């Protein structure tokens, strides 16, 4: 992430830190804002220590900002094609930037892929800057498989949490070269090994690495 604006790097680091804590706080998709505890169904907040803020005059059904601790998160409707404009407003209002940074090294995109998000019934997904090469490689392979599977059999989970694949995407892993195998976890082992090697090379500790590699290879056969 050399050359990235500091606020963009900080957004990625926040996601990685949330995931590595292992407390389930690395949320990347929800089926409704009530998951955050702001609707009538749940009092308080289910994501402790956070609060929802309006993104300017935008209705929360389209986008909102969630402030977890000190770092804001942008959440957008995966059906909304104007998410880059939403990020522009977010950057000006919450990241102390003059607007959405432009550059070839990153894409402003959905952490949970928008097509799979729509098909899985998500109302909002988290958005941030993601390394362009890795983002596009994941889009051609992993995320294509996710949307294909979700189109056949959606997974109606209320809250989607980050996975090791999410962290790899956010952390610039570029090794996605083909669709993940849907039948044989062993066939997914080489790309998983490359993913974890990339993370370790960045100083990201993978606890119980052997078990996590095995579980991730199996998850890749059904992930949607």
Protein backbone atom coordinates (compact mmCIF):
# COMPACT_ATOMS: atom_id res chain seq x y z
CA UNK A 1 0.00 0.00 0.00
CA UNK A 2 2.95 2.26 -0.59
CA UNK A 3 1.79 5.62 -1.85
CA UNK A 4 -1.76 5.23 -0.56
CA UNK A 5 -3.34 8.12 1.37
CA UNK A 6 -3.05 7.36 5.08
CA UNK A 7 -6.85 7.31 5.69
CA UNK A 8 -7.26 4.57 3.06
CA UNK A 9 -4.52 2.46 4.64
CA UNK A 10 -6.07 3.00 8.05
CA UNK A 11 -9.44 1.73 6.83
CA UNK A 12 -7.87 -1.53 5.67
CA UNK A 13 -5.86 -1.90 8.87
CA UNK A 14 -9.02 -1.44 10.93
CA UNK A 15 -10.73 -4.31 9.11
CA UNK A 16 -7.69 -6.57 9.58
CA UNK A 17 -7.42 -5.67 13.27
CA UNK A 18 -11.12 -6.35 13.84
CA UNK A 19 -10.77 -9.76 12.20
CA UNK A 20 -7.63 -10.79 14.06
CA UNK A 21 -9.20 -10.01 17.44
CA UNK A 22 -11.43 -13.02 16.85
CA UNK A 23 -14.42 -11.41 18.56
CA UNK A 24 -16.74 -11.41 15.53
CA UNK A 25 -16.63 -7.63 15.05
CA UNK A 26 -15.32 -7.68 11.47
CA UNK A 27 -18.73 -7.27 9.85
CA UNK A 28 -18.86 -6.85 6.07
CA UNK A 29 -22.54 -7.39 5.20
CA UNK A 30 -25.99 -7.30 6.82
CA UNK A 31 -29.55 -8.05 5.79
CA UNK A 32 -30.87 -4.91 7.49
CA UNK A 33 -29.81 -2.00 9.66
CA UNK A 34 -31.62 -3.60 12.57
CA UNK A 35 -28.59 -5.91 12.80
CA UNK A 36 -26.77 -2.92 14.26
CA UNK A 37 -29.45 -2.49 16.90
CA UNK A 38 -30.83 0.77 15.52
CA UNK A 39 -34.25 -0.45 14.40
CA UNK A 40 -37.27 -1.18 16.54
CA UNK A 41 -36.57 -4.89 16.84
CA UNK A 42 -33.49 -4.56 19.03
CA UNK A 43 -32.73 -1.96 21.70
CA UNK A 44 -29.22 -0.57 22.00
CA UNK A 45 -26.60 -1.96 19.68
CA UNK A 46 -25.51 -5.49 18.90
CA UNK A 47 -22.11 -4.21 17.78
CA UNK A 48 -20.88 -2.89 21.08
CA UNK A 49 -19.35 0.55 21.25
CA UNK A 50 -20.55 1.77 17.86
CA UNK A 51 -23.05 4.28 16.54
CA UNK A 52 -24.74 5.04 13.24
CA UNK A 53 -24.39 8.42 11.52
CA UNK A 54 -26.18 9.72 8.45
CA UNK A 55 -24.17 10.16 5.26
CA UNK A 56 -25.24 13.73 4.58
CA UNK A 57 -28.83 13.78 3.32
CA UNK A 58 -28.70 10.20 2.06
CA UNK A 59 -31.40 7.89 3.45
CA UNK A 60 -29.91 5.08 5.54
CA UNK A 61 -31.50 2.57 3.19
CA UNK A 62 -28.98 3.77 0.59
CA UNK A 63 -25.90 4.37 2.77
CA UNK A 64 -24.80 5.22 6.27
CA UNK A 65 -21.63 5.56 8.33
CA UNK A 66 -20.98 3.28 11.25
CA UNK A 67 -18.41 4.51 13.74
CA UNK A 68 -16.88 1.59 15.58
CA UNK A 69 -14.44 2.92 18.17
CA UNK A 70 -12.64 5.79 16.47
CA UNK A 71 -12.68 4.57 12.87
CA UNK A 72 -15.71 5.20 10.62
CA UNK A 73 -17.02 2.59 8.18
CA UNK A 74 -19.03 3.26 5.04
CA UNK A 75 -21.95 0.90 4.43
CA UNK A 76 -23.81 0.97 1.11
CA UNK A 77 -26.70 -0.76 -0.62
CA UNK A 78 -25.06 -3.36 -2.95
CA UNK A 79 -27.68 -2.54 -5.59
CA UNK A 80 -26.62 1.11 -5.75
CA UNK A 81 -24.35 1.83 -8.72
CA UNK A 82 -23.36 5.22 -7.30
CA UNK A 83 -21.22 3.87 -4.48
CA UNK A 84 -18.11 5.76 -5.62
CA UNK A 85 -20.01 9.04 -5.22
CA UNK A 86 -21.07 7.86 -1.78
CA UNK A 87 -17.44 7.21 -0.91
CA UNK A 88 -16.59 10.72 -2.12
CA UNK A 89 -18.94 12.19 0.46
CA UNK A 90 -17.66 9.78 3.10
CA UNK A 91 -14.04 10.76 2.36
CA UNK A 92 -14.82 14.46 2.73
CA UNK A 93 -16.91 14.13 5.85
CA UNK A 94 -15.14 11.39 7.82
CA UNK A 95 -11.64 10.76 6.43
CA UNK A 96 -10.41 14.37 6.30
CA UNK A 97 -9.79 14.10 2.56
CA UNK A 98 -10.83 16.56 -0.14
CA UNK A 99 -12.89 13.83 -1.81
CA UNK A 100 -12.57 10.29 -3.12
CA UNK A 101 -8.86 9.74 -3.84
CA UNK A 102 -8.17 8.77 -7.44
CA UNK A 103 -5.33 6.51 -8.46
CA UNK A 104 -4.54 3.29 -10.28
CA UNK A 105 -3.28 1.39 -7.23
CA UNK A 106 -6.68 0.94 -5.60
CA UNK A 107 -10.36 0.49 -6.35
CA UNK A 108 -13.18 1.82 -4.21
CA UNK A 109 -15.27 -1.29 -3.90
CA UNK A 110 -17.43 -3.54 -1.77
CA UNK A 111 -15.66 -5.73 0.77
CA UNK A 112 -18.40 -8.35 0.35
CA UNK A 113 -18.96 -8.55 -3.44
CA UNK A 114 -22.02 -6.64 -4.58
CA UNK A 115 -23.45 -9.31 -6.90
CA UNK A 116 -23.29 -12.02 -4.23
CA UNK A 117 -24.57 -9.50 -1.71
CA UNK A 118 -27.67 -8.77 -3.79
CA UNK A 119 -28.35 -12.44 -4.41
CA UNK A 120 -27.88 -13.32 -0.74
CA UNK A 121 -30.41 -10.68 0.32
CA UNK A 122 -27.99 -8.22 1.93
CA UNK A 123 -29.26 -4.69 2.39
CA UNK A 124 -25.82 -3.15 3.01
CA UNK A 125 -22.19 -4.10 2.56
CA UNK A 126 -19.04 -2.39 3.75
CA UNK A 127 -17.03 -0.35 1.23
CA UNK A 128 -13.40 0.74 1.27
CA UNK A 129 -10.31 1.07 -0.92
CA UNK A 130 -8.92 -2.28 -2.09
CA UNK A 131 -5.73 -2.92 -4.03
CA UNK A 132 -6.70 -2.87 -7.71
CA UNK A 133 -4.85 -5.95 -8.95
CA UNK A 134 -6.02 -8.23 -6.14
CA UNK A 135 -9.56 -6.84 -6.24
CA UNK A 136 -9.88 -7.56 -9.94
CA UNK A 137 -8.31 -11.02 -9.64
CA UNK A 138 -10.79 -11.93 -6.89
CA UNK A 139 -13.64 -10.54 -8.97
CA UNK A 140 -12.81 -12.81 -11.92
CA UNK A 141 -12.53 -15.96 -9.81
CA UNK A 142 -13.57 -16.16 -6.16
CA UNK A 143 -16.37 -13.59 -6.37
CA UNK A 144 -17.67 -14.97 -9.64
CA UNK A 145 -18.00 -18.38 -7.96
CA UNK A 146 -19.75 -16.76 -5.00
CA UNK A 147 -22.36 -15.08 -7.19
CA UNK A 148 -22.89 -18.24 -9.29
CA UNK A 149 -23.52 -20.28 -6.15
CA UNK A 150 -25.72 -17.60 -4.57
CA UNK A 151 -27.78 -17.47 -7.74
CA UNK A 152 -28.44 -21.20 -7.43
CA UNK A 153 -28.91 -21.33 -3.66
CA UNK A 154 -28.75 -18.06 -1.69
CA UNK A 155 -27.42 -18.11 1.86
CA UNK A 156 -29.68 -16.00 4.06
CA UNK A 157 -27.33 -15.17 6.89
CA UNK A 158 -28.27 -11.97 8.72
CA UNK A 159 -24.66 -10.91 9.30
CA UNK A 160 -21.70 -11.69 7.09
CA UNK A 161 -18.31 -11.65 8.78
CA UNK A 162 -14.89 -11.26 7.20
CA UNK A 163 -13.04 -14.46 6.31
CA UNK A 164 -9.40 -15.15 5.50
CA UNK A 165 -10.38 -14.60 1.85
CA UNK A 166 -11.72 -11.15 2.79
CA UNK A 167 -8.50 -10.29 4.58
CA UNK A 168 -6.45 -11.45 1.62
CA UNK A 169 -8.47 -9.26 -0.73
CA UNK A 170 -8.13 -6.24 1.56
CA UNK A 171 -4.42 -6.91 2.08
CA UNK A 172 -3.55 -7.09 -1.61
CA UNK A 173 -3.38 -10.83 -2.36
CA UNK A 174 -3.22 -11.22 -6.15
CA UNK A 175 -2.96 -14.99 -6.47
CA UNK A 176 -6.52 -15.78 -7.53
CA UNK A 177 -5.97 -17.36 -10.96
CA UNK A 178 -8.94 -19.69 -11.43
CA UNK A 179 -12.35 -20.47 -10.00
CA UNK A 180 -12.18 -22.27 -6.64
CA UNK A 181 -13.00 -25.95 -6.86
CA UNK A 182 -16.55 -26.67 -5.71
CA UNK A 183 -16.02 -30.33 -4.96
CA UNK A 184 -12.49 -31.03 -3.75
CA UNK A 185 -10.93 -28.99 -0.94
CA UNK A 186 -7.53 -30.45 -1.80
CA UNK A 187 -7.69 -28.71 -5.18
CA UNK A 188 -8.01 -25.39 -3.35
CA UNK A 189 -5.00 -26.04 -1.13
CA UNK A 190 -2.35 -24.36 -3.36
CA UNK A 191 -4.15 -21.01 -3.58
CA UNK A 192 -4.90 -21.11 0.15
CA UNK A 193 -1.22 -21.78 0.90
CA UNK A 194 -0.27 -18.82 -1.31
CA UNK A 195 -2.87 -16.64 0.42
CA UNK A 196 -1.57 -17.44 3.89
CA UNK A 197 2.05 -16.99 2.79
CA UNK A 198 1.12 -13.53 1.49
CA UNK A 199 -0.48 -12.61 4.81
CA UNK A 200 2.47 -13.90 6.84
CA UNK A 201 4.77 -11.88 4.58
CA UNK A 202 2.86 -8.77 5.66
CA UNK A 203 3.33 -9.62 9.31
CA UNK A 204 -0.21 -10.93 9.79
CA UNK A 205 -0.14 -13.84 12.21
CA UNK A 206 -2.36 -16.78 11.28
CA UNK A 207 -3.21 -18.69 14.48
CA UNK A 208 -3.43 -22.47 14.13
CA UNK A 209 -2.27 -22.07 10.54
CA UNK A 210 -2.62 -25.72 9.53
CA UNK A 211 -6.19 -25.92 10.72
CA UNK A 212 -7.07 -22.56 9.19
CA UNK A 213 -5.62 -23.59 5.82
CA UNK A 214 -7.68 -26.78 5.85
CA UNK A 215 -10.88 -25.00 6.86
CA UNK A 216 -10.38 -22.25 4.27
CA UNK A 217 -9.80 -24.76 1.47
CA UNK A 218 -13.06 -26.46 2.43
CA UNK A 219 -14.92 -23.16 2.75
CA UNK A 220 -13.90 -22.31 -0.80
CA UNK A 221 -15.96 -25.25 -2.09
CA UNK A 222 -19.22 -23.66 -0.87
CA UNK A 223 -18.52 -19.96 -0.18
CA UNK A 224 -21.29 -17.73 -1.54
